[in-house]
């Protein structure tokens, strides 16, 4: 993947790929926390 490495917008590509993954990860984690808190209320 030498072409991509030399590409001037490589960081933009990486950011565009990483950001949705990062946000999805945060979303899943916060949903997880929310689920735990809810199950404490209902138990």
PDB file of N, CA and C in Angstrom:
ATOM      1  N   UNK A   1       0.843  -1.215   0.000  1.00  0.00           N
ATOM      2  CA  UNK A   1       0.000   0.000   0.000  1.00  0.00           C
ATOM      3  C   UNK A   1       0.869   1.252   0.000  1.00  0.00           C
ATOM      4  N   UNK A   2       1.956   1.217  -0.789  1.00  0.00           N
ATOM      5  CA  UNK A   2       2.890   2.352  -0.805  1.00  0.00           C
ATOM      6  C   UNK A   2       2.206   3.620  -1.316  1.00  0.00           C
ATOM      7  N   UNK A   3       1.309   3.486  -2.253  1.00  0.00           N
ATOM      8  CA  UNK A   3       0.662   4.659  -2.846  1.00  0.00           C
ATOM      9  C   UNK A   3      -0.086   5.451  -1.774  1.00  0.00           C
ATOM     10  N   UNK A   4      -0.823   4.732  -0.941  1.00  0.00           N
ATOM     11  CA  UNK A   4      -1.605   5.395   0.104  1.00  0.00           C
ATOM     12  C   UNK A   4      -0.684   6.099   1.095  1.00  0.00           C
ATOM     13  N   UNK A   5       0.434   5.453   1.432  1.00  0.00           N
ATOM     14  CA  UNK A   5       1.360   6.047   2.385  1.00  0.00           C
ATOM     15  C   UNK A   5       1.914   7.374   1.892  1.00  0.00           C
ATOM     16  N   UNK A   6       2.168   7.454   0.585  1.00  0.00           N
ATOM     17  CA  UNK A   6       2.739   8.680   0.021  1.00  0.00           C
ATOM     18  C   UNK A   6       1.665   9.716  -0.306  1.00  0.00           C
ATOM     19  N   UNK A   7       0.435   9.331  -0.192  1.00  0.00           N
ATOM     20  CA  UNK A   7      -0.653  10.228  -0.577  1.00  0.00           C
ATOM     21  C   UNK A   7      -0.775  11.383   0.414  1.00  0.00           C
ATOM     22  N   UNK A   8      -0.927  12.622  -0.088  1.00  0.00           N
ATOM     23  CA  UNK A   8      -0.991  13.779   0.813  1.00  0.00           C
ATOM     24  C   UNK A   8      -2.205  13.766   1.738  1.00  0.00           C
ATOM     25  N   UNK A   9      -3.262  13.108   1.302  1.00  0.00           N
ATOM     26  CA  UNK A   9      -4.476  13.107   2.128  1.00  0.00           C
ATOM     27  C   UNK A   9      -4.629  11.826   2.938  1.00  0.00           C
ATOM     28  N   UNK A  10      -3.516  11.132   3.143  1.00  0.00           N
ATOM     29  CA  UNK A  10      -3.573   9.855   3.855  1.00  0.00           C
ATOM     30  C   UNK A  10      -4.216  10.016   5.236  1.00  0.00           C
ATOM     31  N   UNK A  11      -3.835  11.076   5.952  1.00  0.00           N
ATOM     32  CA  UNK A  11      -4.389  11.272   7.295  1.00  0.00           C
ATOM     33  C   UNK A  11      -5.892  11.509   7.245  1.00  0.00           C
ATOM     34  N   UNK A  12      -6.347  12.205   6.193  1.00  0.00           N
ATOM     35  CA  UNK A  12      -7.779  12.424   6.043  1.00  0.00           C
ATOM     36  C   UNK A  12      -8.511  11.096   5.866  1.00  0.00           C
ATOM     37  N   UNK A  13      -7.902  10.213   5.051  1.00  0.00           N
ATOM     38  CA  UNK A  13      -8.490   8.885   4.864  1.00  0.00           C
ATOM     39  C   UNK A  13      -8.572   8.154   6.195  1.00  0.00           C
ATOM     40  N   UNK A  14      -7.461   8.178   6.937  1.00  0.00           N
ATOM     41  CA  UNK A  14      -7.414   7.444   8.200  1.00  0.00           C
ATOM     42  C   UNK A  14      -8.414   8.014   9.197  1.00  0.00           C
ATOM     43  N   UNK A  15      -8.532   9.339   9.236  1.00  0.00           N
ATOM     44  CA  UNK A  15      -9.484   9.974  10.136  1.00  0.00           C
ATOM     45  C   UNK A  15     -10.918   9.608   9.754  1.00  0.00           C
ATOM     46  N   UNK A  16     -11.171   9.606   8.452  1.00  0.00           N
ATOM     47  CA  UNK A  16     -12.516   9.291   7.975  1.00  0.00           C
ATOM     48  C   UNK A  16     -12.905   7.865   8.325  1.00  0.00           C
ATOM     49  N   UNK A  17     -11.908   6.977   8.328  1.00  0.00           N
ATOM     50  CA  UNK A  17     -12.180   5.583   8.665  1.00  0.00           C
ATOM     51  C   UNK A  17     -12.263   5.409  10.183  1.00  0.00           C
ATOM     52  N   UNK A  18     -11.362   6.073  10.909  1.00  0.00           N
ATOM     53  CA  UNK A  18     -11.255   5.855  12.353  1.00  0.00           C
ATOM     54  C   UNK A  18     -12.413   6.495  13.105  1.00  0.00           C
ATOM     55  N   UNK A  19     -12.903   7.651  12.647  1.00  0.00           N
ATOM     56  CA  UNK A  19     -13.889   8.391  13.420  1.00  0.00           C
ATOM     57  C   UNK A  19     -15.192   7.616  13.634  1.00  0.00           C
ATOM     58  N   UNK A  20     -15.815   7.061  12.570  1.00  0.00           N
ATOM     59  CA  UNK A  20     -17.036   6.292  12.802  1.00  0.00           C
ATOM     60  C   UNK A  20     -16.811   5.093  13.721  1.00  0.00           C
ATOM     61  N   UNK A  21     -15.655   4.449  13.587  1.00  0.00           N
ATOM     62  CA  UNK A  21     -15.340   3.305  14.446  1.00  0.00           C
ATOM     63  C   UNK A  21     -15.239   3.761  15.893  1.00  0.00           C
ATOM     64  N   UNK A  22     -14.541   4.873  16.108  1.00  0.00           N
ATOM     65  CA  UNK A  22     -14.357   5.424  17.444  1.00  0.00           C
ATOM     66  C   UNK A  22     -15.700   5.816  18.052  1.00  0.00           C
ATOM     67  N   UNK A  23     -16.535   6.494  17.259  1.00  0.00           N
ATOM     68  CA  UNK A  23     -17.836   6.929  17.751  1.00  0.00           C
ATOM     69  C   UNK A  23     -18.730   5.736  18.050  1.00  0.00           C
ATOM     70  N   UNK A  24     -18.713   4.742  17.176  1.00  0.00           N
ATOM     71  CA  UNK A  24     -19.512   3.543  17.404  1.00  0.00           C
ATOM     72  C   UNK A  24     -19.066   2.847  18.678  1.00  0.00           C
ATOM     73  N   UNK A  25     -17.747   2.812  18.892  1.00  0.00           N
ATOM     74  CA  UNK A  25     -17.193   2.197  20.090  1.00  0.00           C
ATOM     75  C   UNK A  25     -17.675   2.923  21.337  1.00  0.00           C
ATOM     76  N   UNK A  26     -17.617   4.256  21.320  1.00  0.00           N
ATOM     77  CA  UNK A  26     -18.099   5.056  22.450  1.00  0.00           C
ATOM     78  C   UNK A  26     -19.583   4.799  22.678  1.00  0.00           C
ATOM     79  N   UNK A  27     -20.328   4.736  21.576  1.00  0.00           N
ATOM     80  CA  UNK A  27     -21.769   4.532  21.667  1.00  0.00           C
ATOM     81  C   UNK A  27     -22.087   3.191  22.321  1.00  0.00           C
ATOM     82  N   UNK A  28     -21.385   2.147  21.879  1.00  0.00           N
ATOM     83  CA  UNK A  28     -21.601   0.813  22.432  1.00  0.00           C
ATOM     84  C   UNK A  28     -21.247   0.794  23.913  1.00  0.00           C
ATOM     85  N   UNK A  29     -20.129   1.435  24.276  1.00  0.00           N
ATOM     86  CA  UNK A  29     -19.705   1.451  25.669  1.00  0.00           C
ATOM     87  C   UNK A  29     -20.719   2.178  26.539  1.00  0.00           C
ATOM     88  N   UNK A  30     -21.215   3.335  26.067  1.00  0.00           N
ATOM     89  CA  UNK A  30     -22.157   4.095  26.868  1.00  0.00           C
ATOM     90  C   UNK A  30     -23.500   3.366  26.951  1.00  0.00           C
ATOM     91  N   UNK A  31     -23.872   2.669  25.884  1.00  0.00           N
ATOM     92  CA  UNK A  31     -25.092   1.867  25.915  1.00  0.00           C
ATOM     93  C   UNK A  31     -24.939   0.734  26.924  1.00  0.00           C
ATOM     94  N   UNK A  32     -23.736   0.171  26.971  1.00  0.00           N
ATOM     95  CA  UNK A  32     -23.411  -0.877  27.928  1.00  0.00           C
ATOM     96  C   UNK A  32     -23.568  -0.374  29.360  1.00  0.00           C
ATOM     97  N   UNK A  33     -22.989   0.795  29.636  1.00  0.00           N
ATOM     98  CA  UNK A  33     -23.100   1.398  30.967  1.00  0.00           C
ATOM     99  C   UNK A  33     -24.565   1.644  31.305  1.00  0.00           C
ATOM    100  N   UNK A  34     -25.301   2.179  30.354  1.00  0.00           N
ATOM    101  CA  UNK A  34     -26.711   2.483  30.549  1.00  0.00           C
ATOM    102  C   UNK A  34     -27.484   1.213  30.898  1.00  0.00           C
ATOM    103  N   UNK A  35     -27.168   0.136  30.192  1.00  0.00           N
ATOM    104  CA  UNK A  35     -27.809  -1.150  30.424  1.00  0.00           C
ATOM    105  C   UNK A  35     -27.549  -1.630  31.853  1.00  0.00           C
ATOM    106  N   UNK A  36     -26.299  -1.488  32.313  1.00  0.00           N
ATOM    107  CA  UNK A  36     -25.945  -1.904  33.670  1.00  0.00           C
ATOM    108  C   UNK A  36     -26.722  -1.105  34.702  1.00  0.00           C
ATOM    109  N   UNK A  37     -26.816   0.211  34.497  1.00  0.00           N
ATOM    110  CA  UNK A  37     -27.546   1.058  35.432  1.00  0.00           C
ATOM    111  C   UNK A  37     -29.023   0.681  35.460  1.00  0.00           C
ATOM    112  N   UNK A  38     -29.584   0.415  34.288  1.00  0.00           N
ATOM    113  CA  UNK A  38     -30.987   0.033  34.214  1.00  0.00           C
ATOM    114  C   UNK A  38     -31.236  -1.280  34.955  1.00  0.00           C
ATOM    115  N   UNK A  39     -30.347  -2.244  34.751  1.00  0.00           N
ATOM    116  CA  UNK A  39     -30.553  -3.542  35.380  1.00  0.00           C
ATOM    117  C   UNK A  39     -30.423  -3.431  36.907  1.00  0.00           C
ATOM    118  N   UNK A  40     -29.666  -2.442  37.393  1.00  0.00           N
ATOM    119  CA  UNK A  40     -29.591  -2.216  38.835  1.00  0.00           C
ATOM    120  C   UNK A  40     -30.947  -1.726  39.357  1.00  0.00           C
ATOM    121  N   UNK A  41     -31.589  -0.843  38.583  1.00  0.00           N
ATOM    122  CA  UNK A  41     -32.893  -0.324  39.004  1.00  0.00           C
ATOM    123  C   UNK A  41     -33.950  -1.427  39.033  1.00  0.00           C
ATOM    124  N   UNK A  42     -33.889  -2.308  38.036  1.00  0.00           N
ATOM    125  CA  UNK A  42     -34.949  -3.299  37.896  1.00  0.00           C
ATOM    126  C   UNK A  42     -34.745  -4.532  38.761  1.00  0.00           C
ATOM    127  N   UNK A  43     -33.541  -4.739  39.275  1.00  0.00           N
ATOM    128  CA  UNK A  43     -33.310  -5.944  40.051  1.00  0.00           C
ATOM    129  C   UNK A  43     -33.776  -5.774  41.500  1.00  0.00           C
TER     130      UNK A  43
END
